[in-house]
Structures are given as C-alpha cells and as structure tokens.
Amino acid sequence: MAETEDFWNRIARKYAADPIKDMEGYNRTIDRTREHLSRDARVLEVGCGSGATALLLAPEVGHITASDISSEMITIGREKAAGTNVANIDFVRATPFDDAFPDAPYDAVLAYNFLHLVPDVPALIDRLAELMRPGGLLISKTPNIGGARRLVLQPLIAAMRLFGKAPPDLSFVSPKQLKAMIAKAGFEIVVFEFHGDSRPFIVAKKK
C-alpha cells in the first residue's frame, strides 16, 4: 500500500500537468456520465487523481466525494477546487477499502482509469457495491490491458517498474473479463461502449 502511494505521490505533479491525449473521447465520456447523474445525486469517485473530472461533474450533482490513495493528488485537487466556485466537493485521501466514507451509500460511484490498478479487481468491485445503494450506478472507464495485449504489456511494464515508471499493482483484465466481473458482483450492465479508443465505458446498476 505504501509503495503504491509513494509511486503516485512521486508522479502527481507531472500527471496533473500532462494534457489529456484523447480529448474527444474524454469529452464523450463526461457527456455520457452526465446523462446518468441526477442533480441531487450523492457521488463518490475512487482513484480521482488530480480531481479534474470530479470538478467538472460537481456542478451537475448534489455532492461529490473525490478520493485517492495519493496524498499529493488530493492536495492538487484541493488546490484546483480553491480556484473555482465549486462548493459541493470534498477531497479525501483514502482507498476504497478504508472506513472513510460517511456519506455511503452513494447514488453513484465513478471509477475512471482505476479498476485495473489493484491486485484483486473482483474484491474492489464488491467493495464498491457495498458503498452504493440498491439501484445505484457504477460508472467506469478502464484501460484494456488484457487478452492478447497482456503478452506485450506484461514484460514491458515489468521492465518499467525497475525504473519506477509503472505502478506496483496492475491487473491485466480485458473488457470482456471486466464486464463479467461487474455482472458477477450483482450489477446489471446498462451501457457498454467505447469512446474513441479501446477502453470500455461501462454503466452498471446495482441490483
């Protein structure tokens, strides 16, 4: 856990400064997310990074809690929020497994570019389900690093870790595997689509 936080703390400022590579796809994801959030929704984002997405969505919902394992990412998020008039957002340094979410159960949990960053994806999805009310939504977008891609990426990432260029924990899940994991955790898949690249955008309703 400490190794993971140290990695993200170390790269946080660069991560926050880097431009979004696929802005068209990102905007499509934001628009589709907005379609599924109500104005009074209580929302949790896990793995919020520097908080850019949470700050974009906050005006569309009742309240959003933005969480991340990295204390430096949370600091950056708070700095960004201080420069806006967004008042309905809290930044919390926590993992999804921490007892740090008094507003649970949430109406929606957001997990962008995050579900693959843990050693046990099914356990994470089960935990996110615990944090949601029945009928609540899990909205995610996850890099496709499974299937045939794993054969190329796994040794490459192992080499990158030697130089501190890749996170300690990664699960090499394919879109098909991820969809099955979410369904097995008691969710109904409402949306399964792609926004310009190989990362599946999934909206799933807790049964």
C-alpha atoms as a PDB file:
ATOM      1  CA  MET A   1       0.000   0.000   0.000  1.00  0.00           C
ATOM      2  CA  ALA A   2       2.773   2.446   0.943  1.00  0.00           C
ATOM      3  CA  GLU A   3       4.649   1.580  -2.250  1.00  0.00           C
ATOM      4  CA  THR A   4       1.562   2.391  -4.306  1.00  0.00           C
ATOM      5  CA  GLU A   5       1.028   5.737  -2.586  1.00  0.00           C
ATOM      6  CA  ASP A   6       4.705   6.627  -2.966  1.00  0.00           C
ATOM      7  CA  PHE A   7       4.545   5.959  -6.717  1.00  0.00           C
ATOM      8  CA  TRP A   8       1.518   8.198  -7.274  1.00  0.00           C
ATOM      9  CA  ASN A   9       2.841  10.901  -4.949  1.00  0.00           C
ATOM     10  CA  ARG A  10       6.071  10.985  -6.930  1.00  0.00           C
ATOM     11  CA  ILE A  11       4.403  11.457 -10.314  1.00  0.00           C
ATOM     12  CA  ALA A  12       1.386  13.502  -9.178  1.00  0.00           C
ATOM     13  CA  ARG A  13       2.523  16.938 -10.372  1.00  0.00           C
ATOM     14  CA  LYS A  14       3.576  15.651 -13.786  1.00  0.00           C
ATOM     15  CA  TYR A  15       0.364  13.633 -14.084  1.00  0.00           C
ATOM     16  CA  ALA A  16      -1.715  16.718 -13.306  1.00  0.00           C
ATOM     17  CA  ALA A  17       0.185  18.838 -15.829  1.00  0.00           C
ATOM     18  CA  ASP A  18       0.072  16.366 -18.727  1.00  0.00           C
ATOM     19  CA  PRO A  19      -2.619  17.111 -21.336  1.00  0.00           C
ATOM     20  CA  ILE A  20      -5.400  14.605 -21.968  1.00  0.00           C
ATOM     21  CA  LYS A  21      -4.361  12.573 -25.007  1.00  0.00           C
ATOM     22  CA  ASP A  22      -7.835  11.795 -26.350  1.00  0.00           C
ATOM     23  CA  MET A  23      -9.846  14.917 -25.576  1.00  0.00           C
ATOM     24  CA  GLU A  24     -12.693  13.952 -27.898  1.00  0.00           C
ATOM     25  CA  GLY A  25     -13.087  10.588 -26.181  1.00  0.00           C
ATOM     26  CA  TYR A  26     -12.775  12.193 -22.748  1.00  0.00           C
ATOM     27  CA  ASN A  27     -15.492  14.729 -23.523  1.00  0.00           C
ATOM     28  CA  ARG A  28     -17.735  11.944 -24.790  1.00  0.00           C
ATOM     29  CA  THR A  29     -17.205  10.065 -21.522  1.00  0.00           C
ATOM     30  CA  ILE A  30     -18.066  13.155 -19.477  1.00  0.00           C
ATOM     31  CA  ASP A  31     -21.203  13.794 -21.533  1.00  0.00           C
ATOM     32  CA  ARG A  32     -22.366  10.190 -21.196  1.00  0.00           C
ATOM     33  CA  THR A  33     -21.685  10.260 -17.463  1.00  0.00           C
ATOM     34  CA  ARG A  34     -23.765  13.405 -17.052  1.00  0.00           C
ATOM     35  CA  GLU A  35     -26.692  11.648 -18.714  1.00  0.00           C
ATOM     36  CA  HIS A  36     -26.766   9.145 -15.857  1.00  0.00           C
ATOM     37  CA  LEU A  37     -26.365  11.502 -12.888  1.00  0.00           C
ATOM     38  CA  SER A  38     -29.239  13.369 -11.254  1.00  0.00           C
ATOM     39  CA  ARG A  39     -28.950  16.901  -9.919  1.00  0.00           C
ATOM     40  CA  ASP A  40     -29.319  15.693  -6.322  1.00  0.00           C
ATOM     41  CA  ALA A  41     -27.068  12.632  -6.609  1.00  0.00           C
ATOM     42  CA  ARG A  42     -24.530  11.806  -3.922  1.00  0.00           C
ATOM     43  CA  VAL A  43     -21.463  10.644  -5.826  1.00  0.00           C
ATOM     44  CA  LEU A  44     -18.166   9.005  -4.897  1.00  0.00           C
ATOM     45  CA  GLU A  45     -15.183   8.977  -7.234  1.00  0.00           C
ATOM     46  CA  VAL A  46     -12.454   6.447  -6.455  1.00  0.00           C
ATOM     47  CA  GLY A  47      -8.980   6.976  -7.855  1.00  0.00           C
ATOM     48  CA  CYS A  48      -9.813  10.607  -8.590  1.00  0.00           C
ATOM     49  CA  GLY A  49      -6.224  11.564  -9.390  1.00  0.00           C
ATOM     50  CA  SER A  50      -5.803  15.331  -9.518  1.00  0.00           C
ATOM     51  CA  GLY A  51      -9.558  15.896  -9.326  1.00  0.00           C
ATOM     52  CA  ALA A  52     -10.133  17.339 -12.794  1.00  0.00           C
ATOM     53  CA  THR A  53     -13.067  15.074 -13.642  1.00  0.00           C
ATOM     54  CA  ALA A  54     -14.686  15.412 -10.228  1.00  0.00           C
ATOM     55  CA  LEU A  55     -14.559  19.195 -10.521  1.00  0.00           C
ATOM     56  CA  LEU A  56     -16.152  19.044 -13.976  1.00  0.00           C
ATOM     57  CA  LEU A  57     -19.023  16.883 -12.752  1.00  0.00           C
ATOM     58  CA  ALA A  58     -19.613  18.511  -9.359  1.00  0.00           C
ATOM     59  CA  PRO A  59     -21.929  21.272 -10.693  1.00  0.00           C
ATOM     60  CA  GLU A  60     -24.174  18.553 -12.162  1.00  0.00           C
ATOM     61  CA  VAL A  61     -24.809  16.668  -8.883  1.00  0.00           C
ATOM     62  CA  GLY A  62     -25.771  17.223  -5.265  1.00  0.00           C
ATOM     63  CA  HIS A  63     -22.378  16.371  -3.764  1.00  0.00           C
ATOM     64  CA  ILE A  64     -19.250  14.535  -4.833  1.00  0.00           C
ATOM     65  CA  THR A  65     -16.575  12.930  -2.679  1.00  0.00           C
ATOM     66  CA  ALA A  66     -13.316  12.600  -4.610  1.00  0.00           C
ATOM     67  CA  SER A  67     -10.936  10.014  -3.145  1.00  0.00           C
ATOM     68  CA  ASP A  68      -7.447   8.815  -3.974  1.00  0.00           C
ATOM     69  CA  ILE A  69      -4.682   6.835  -2.290  1.00  0.00           C
ATOM     70  CA  SER A  70      -2.190   9.616  -3.071  1.00  0.00           C
ATOM     71  CA  SER A  71      -1.997  12.471  -0.581  1.00  0.00           C
ATOM     72  CA  GLU A  72      -0.238  14.584  -3.221  1.00  0.00           C
ATOM     73  CA  MET A  73      -3.049  14.029  -5.733  1.00  0.00           C
ATOM     74  CA  ILE A  74      -5.556  15.082  -3.079  1.00  0.00           C
ATOM     75  CA  THR A  75      -3.512  18.220  -2.363  1.00  0.00           C
ATOM     76  CA  ILE A  76      -3.573  19.089  -6.068  1.00  0.00           C
ATOM     77  CA  GLY A  77      -7.325  18.504  -6.203  1.00  0.00           C
ATOM     78  CA  ARG A  78      -7.896  20.825  -3.276  1.00  0.00           C
ATOM     79  CA  GLU A  79      -5.679  23.451  -4.896  1.00  0.00           C
ATOM     80  CA  LYS A  80      -7.732  23.243  -8.077  1.00  0.00           C
ATOM     81  CA  ALA A  81     -11.000  23.454  -6.155  1.00  0.00           C
ATOM     82  CA  ALA A  82      -9.800  26.536  -4.293  1.00  0.00           C
ATOM     83  CA  GLY A  83      -9.549  28.339  -7.622  1.00  0.00           C
ATOM     84  CA  THR A  84     -13.185  27.664  -8.505  1.00  0.00           C
ATOM     85  CA  ASN A  85     -16.599  28.423  -7.072  1.00  0.00           C
ATOM     86  CA  VAL A  86     -17.382  24.711  -6.695  1.00  0.00           C
ATOM     87  CA  ALA A  87     -18.503  24.169  -3.111  1.00  0.00           C
ATOM     88  CA  ASN A  88     -20.125  20.726  -3.208  1.00  0.00           C
ATOM     89  CA  ILE A  89     -16.952  18.648  -3.393  1.00  0.00           C
ATOM     90  CA  ASP A  90     -14.750  17.044  -0.745  1.00  0.00           C
ATOM     91  CA  PHE A  91     -11.324  15.558  -1.401  1.00  0.00           C
ATOM     92  CA  VAL A  92     -10.432  12.568   0.776  1.00  0.00           C
ATOM     93  CA  ARG A  93      -7.145  10.685   0.947  1.00  0.00           C
ATOM     94  CA  ALA A  94      -8.366   7.088   1.162  1.00  0.00           C
ATOM     95  CA  THR A  95      -8.510   3.774  -0.621  1.00  0.00           C
ATOM     96  CA  PRO A  96     -11.949   2.329  -1.409  1.00  0.00           C
ATOM     97  CA  PHE A  97     -11.419  -0.217   1.373  1.00  0.00           C
ATOM     98  CA  ASP A  98     -10.920   2.409   4.087  1.00  0.00           C
ATOM     99  CA  ASP A  99     -13.653   3.379   6.524  1.00  0.00           C
ATOM    100  CA  ALA A 100     -13.614   6.936   5.214  1.00  0.00           C
ATOM    101  CA  PHE A 101     -16.968   7.417   3.510  1.00  0.00           C
ATOM    102  CA  PRO A 102     -19.648   8.519   5.989  1.00  0.00           C
ATOM    103  CA  ASP A 103     -21.971   9.582   3.149  1.00  0.00           C
ATOM    104  CA  ALA A 104     -22.362   5.974   1.955  1.00  0.00           C
ATOM    105  CA  PRO A 105     -24.441   4.506   0.475  1.00  0.00           C
ATOM    106  CA  TYR A 106     -23.911   6.611  -2.633  1.00  0.00           C
ATOM    107  CA  ASP A 107     -26.176   7.049  -5.641  1.00  0.00           C
ATOM    108  CA  ALA A 108     -23.226   6.588  -7.988  1.00  0.00           C
ATOM    109  CA  VAL A 109     -19.595   5.518  -7.809  1.00  0.00           C
ATOM    110  CA  LEU A 110     -17.199   6.687 -10.533  1.00  0.00           C
ATOM    111  CA  ALA A 111     -14.031   4.762 -11.375  1.00  0.00           C
ATOM    112  CA  TYR A 112     -12.147   6.198 -14.345  1.00  0.00           C
ATOM    113  CA  ASN A 113      -8.843   4.568 -15.352  1.00  0.00           C
ATOM    114  CA  PHE A 114      -8.760   2.865 -11.967  1.00  0.00           C
ATOM    115  CA  LEU A 115     -10.259  -0.635 -11.849  1.00  0.00           C
ATOM    116  CA  HIS A 116      -7.070  -2.168 -13.293  1.00  0.00           C
ATOM    117  CA  LEU A 117      -4.829  -0.514 -10.679  1.00  0.00           C
ATOM    118  CA  VAL A 118      -5.466  -3.069  -7.933  1.00  0.00           C
ATOM    119  CA  PRO A 119      -4.269  -6.657  -7.449  1.00  0.00           C
ATOM    120  CA  ASP A 120      -7.812  -8.023  -6.951  1.00  0.00           C
ATOM    121  CA  VAL A 121     -10.406  -6.484  -9.277  1.00  0.00           C
ATOM    122  CA  PRO A 122     -13.388  -8.614  -8.122  1.00  0.00           C
ATOM    123  CA  ALA A 123     -12.720  -7.661  -4.481  1.00  0.00           C
ATOM    124  CA  LEU A 124     -12.641  -3.991  -5.467  1.00  0.00           C
ATOM    125  CA  ILE A 125     -15.924  -4.233  -7.375  1.00  0.00           C
ATOM    126  CA  ASP A 126     -17.545  -5.996  -4.404  1.00  0.00           C
ATOM    127  CA  ARG A 127     -16.366  -3.180  -2.138  1.00  0.00           C
ATOM    128  CA  LEU A 128     -17.728  -0.516  -4.485  1.00  0.00           C
ATOM    129  CA  ALA A 129     -21.080  -2.320  -4.447  1.00  0.00           C
ATOM    130  CA  GLU A 130     -21.063  -2.092  -0.643  1.00  0.00           C
ATOM    131  CA  LEU A 131     -20.664   1.675  -0.900  1.00  0.00           C
ATOM    132  CA  MET A 132     -23.725   2.048  -3.175  1.00  0.00           C
ATOM    133  CA  ARG A 133     -27.447   1.967  -2.595  1.00  0.00           C
ATOM    134  CA  PRO A 134     -29.587  -0.597  -4.438  1.00  0.00           C
ATOM    135  CA  GLY A 135     -30.240   0.826  -7.893  1.00  0.00           C
ATOM    136  CA  GLY A 136     -27.087   2.923  -7.676  1.00  0.00           C
ATOM    137  CA  LEU A 137     -24.719   3.185 -10.628  1.00  0.00           C
ATOM    138  CA  LEU A 138     -21.122   2.116 -11.082  1.00  0.00           C
ATOM    139  CA  ILE A 139     -19.693   4.199 -13.926  1.00  0.00           C
ATOM    140  CA  SER A 140     -16.241   3.255 -15.160  1.00  0.00           C
ATOM    141  CA  LYS A 141     -13.770   3.544 -17.996  1.00  0.00           C
ATOM    142  CA  THR A 142     -10.843   1.143 -17.858  1.00  0.00           C
ATOM    143  CA  PRO A 143      -7.722   0.604 -19.980  1.00  0.00           C
ATOM    144  CA  ASN A 144      -7.768  -2.615 -21.972  1.00  0.00           C
ATOM    145  CA  ILE A 145      -4.535  -4.354 -20.980  1.00  0.00           C
ATOM    146  CA  GLY A 146      -5.825  -7.935 -21.005  1.00  0.00           C
ATOM    147  CA  GLY A 147      -6.185 -10.629 -23.624  1.00  0.00           C
ATOM    148  CA  ALA A 148      -3.566 -10.569 -26.368  1.00  0.00           C
ATOM    149  CA  ARG A 149      -2.342  -7.149 -25.211  1.00  0.00           C
ATOM    150  CA  ARG A 150      -1.127  -8.746 -21.993  1.00  0.00           C
ATOM    151  CA  LEU A 151       1.529 -10.714 -23.885  1.00  0.00           C
ATOM    152  CA  VAL A 152       3.167  -7.466 -24.958  1.00  0.00           C
ATOM    153  CA  LEU A 153       2.388  -5.236 -21.991  1.00  0.00           C
ATOM    154  CA  GLN A 154       3.243  -7.511 -19.066  1.00  0.00           C
ATOM    155  CA  PRO A 155       7.008  -7.779 -19.747  1.00  0.00           C
ATOM    156  CA  LEU A 156       7.147  -4.123 -20.788  1.00  0.00           C
ATOM    157  CA  ILE A 157       5.511  -2.971 -17.559  1.00  0.00           C
ATOM    158  CA  ALA A 158       7.754  -5.260 -15.513  1.00  0.00           C
ATOM    159  CA  ALA A 159      10.766  -3.517 -17.062  1.00  0.00           C
ATOM    160  CA  MET A 160       9.251  -0.084 -16.466  1.00  0.00           C
ATOM    161  CA  ARG A 161       8.764  -0.916 -12.782  1.00  0.00           C
ATOM    162  CA  LEU A 162      12.517  -1.404 -12.423  1.00  0.00           C
ATOM    163  CA  PHE A 163      12.908   2.295 -13.224  1.00  0.00           C
ATOM    164  CA  GLY A 164       9.897   3.478 -11.215  1.00  0.00           C
ATOM    165  CA  LYS A 165       7.892   4.199 -14.371  1.00  0.00           C
ATOM    166  CA  ALA A 166       4.894   1.920 -13.725  1.00  0.00           C
ATOM    167  CA  PRO A 167       2.644   1.415 -10.687  1.00  0.00           C
ATOM    168  CA  PRO A 168       3.275  -1.538  -8.354  1.00  0.00           C
ATOM    169  CA  ASP A 169      -0.161  -3.088  -8.838  1.00  0.00           C
ATOM    170  CA  LEU A 170      -1.827  -3.829 -12.165  1.00  0.00           C
ATOM    171  CA  SER A 171      -4.447  -6.376 -13.170  1.00  0.00           C
ATOM    172  CA  PHE A 172      -4.333  -7.372 -16.831  1.00  0.00           C
ATOM    173  CA  VAL A 173      -8.073  -7.543 -17.481  1.00  0.00           C
ATOM    174  CA  SER A 174      -9.782  -7.420 -20.858  1.00  0.00           C
ATOM    175  CA  PRO A 175     -13.092  -5.610 -21.476  1.00  0.00           C
ATOM    176  CA  LYS A 176     -14.860  -8.980 -21.663  1.00  0.00           C
ATOM    177  CA  GLN A 177     -13.393 -10.096 -18.341  1.00  0.00           C
ATOM    178  CA  LEU A 178     -14.216  -6.789 -16.671  1.00  0.00           C
ATOM    179  CA  LYS A 179     -17.804  -6.895 -17.881  1.00  0.00           C
ATOM    180  CA  ALA A 180     -18.173 -10.416 -16.461  1.00  0.00           C
ATOM    181  CA  MET A 181     -16.660  -9.400 -13.115  1.00  0.00           C
ATOM    182  CA  ILE A 182     -19.058  -6.478 -12.759  1.00  0.00           C
ATOM    183  CA  ALA A 183     -22.057  -8.644 -13.620  1.00  0.00           C
ATOM    184  CA  LYS A 184     -20.944 -11.344 -11.167  1.00  0.00           C
ATOM    185  CA  ALA A 185     -20.807  -8.738  -8.375  1.00  0.00           C
ATOM    186  CA  GLY A 186     -24.556  -8.187  -8.716  1.00  0.00           C
ATOM    187  CA  PHE A 187     -24.772  -5.440 -11.304  1.00  0.00           C
ATOM    188  CA  GLU A 188     -26.871  -5.131 -14.429  1.00  0.00           C
ATOM    189  CA  ILE A 189     -24.829  -3.808 -17.348  1.00  0.00           C
ATOM    190  CA  VAL A 190     -26.726  -0.787 -18.693  1.00  0.00           C
ATOM    191  CA  VAL A 191     -24.116   0.667 -21.056  1.00  0.00           C
ATOM    192  CA  PHE A 192     -21.061  -0.972 -22.626  1.00  0.00           C
ATOM    193  CA  GLU A 193     -19.413   1.153 -25.303  1.00  0.00           C
ATOM    194  CA  PHE A 194     -16.150   2.676 -26.464  1.00  0.00           C
ATOM    195  CA  HIS A 195     -15.297   6.350 -26.797  1.00  0.00           C
ATOM    196  CA  GLY A 196     -12.574   6.602 -29.386  1.00  0.00           C
ATOM    197  CA  ASP A 197     -10.145   4.000 -28.050  1.00  0.00           C
ATOM    198  CA  SER A 198     -10.003   0.500 -26.551  1.00  0.00           C
ATOM    199  CA  ARG A 199     -11.128   1.461 -23.030  1.00  0.00           C
ATOM    200  CA  PRO A 200     -14.676   0.265 -22.321  1.00  0.00           C
ATOM    201  CA  PHE A 201     -17.082   2.783 -20.808  1.00  0.00           C
ATOM    202  CA  ILE A 202     -19.446   0.824 -18.566  1.00  0.00           C
ATOM    203  CA  VAL A 203     -22.524   1.926 -16.672  1.00  0.00           C
ATOM    204  CA  ALA A 204     -23.804  -0.794 -14.351  1.00  0.00           C
ATOM    205  CA  LYS A 205     -26.797  -0.708 -11.999  1.00  0.00           C
ATOM    206  CA  LYS A 206     -26.641  -2.412  -8.610  1.00  0.00           C
ATOM    207  CA  LYS A 207     -29.478  -4.915  -8.302  1.00  0.00           C
END
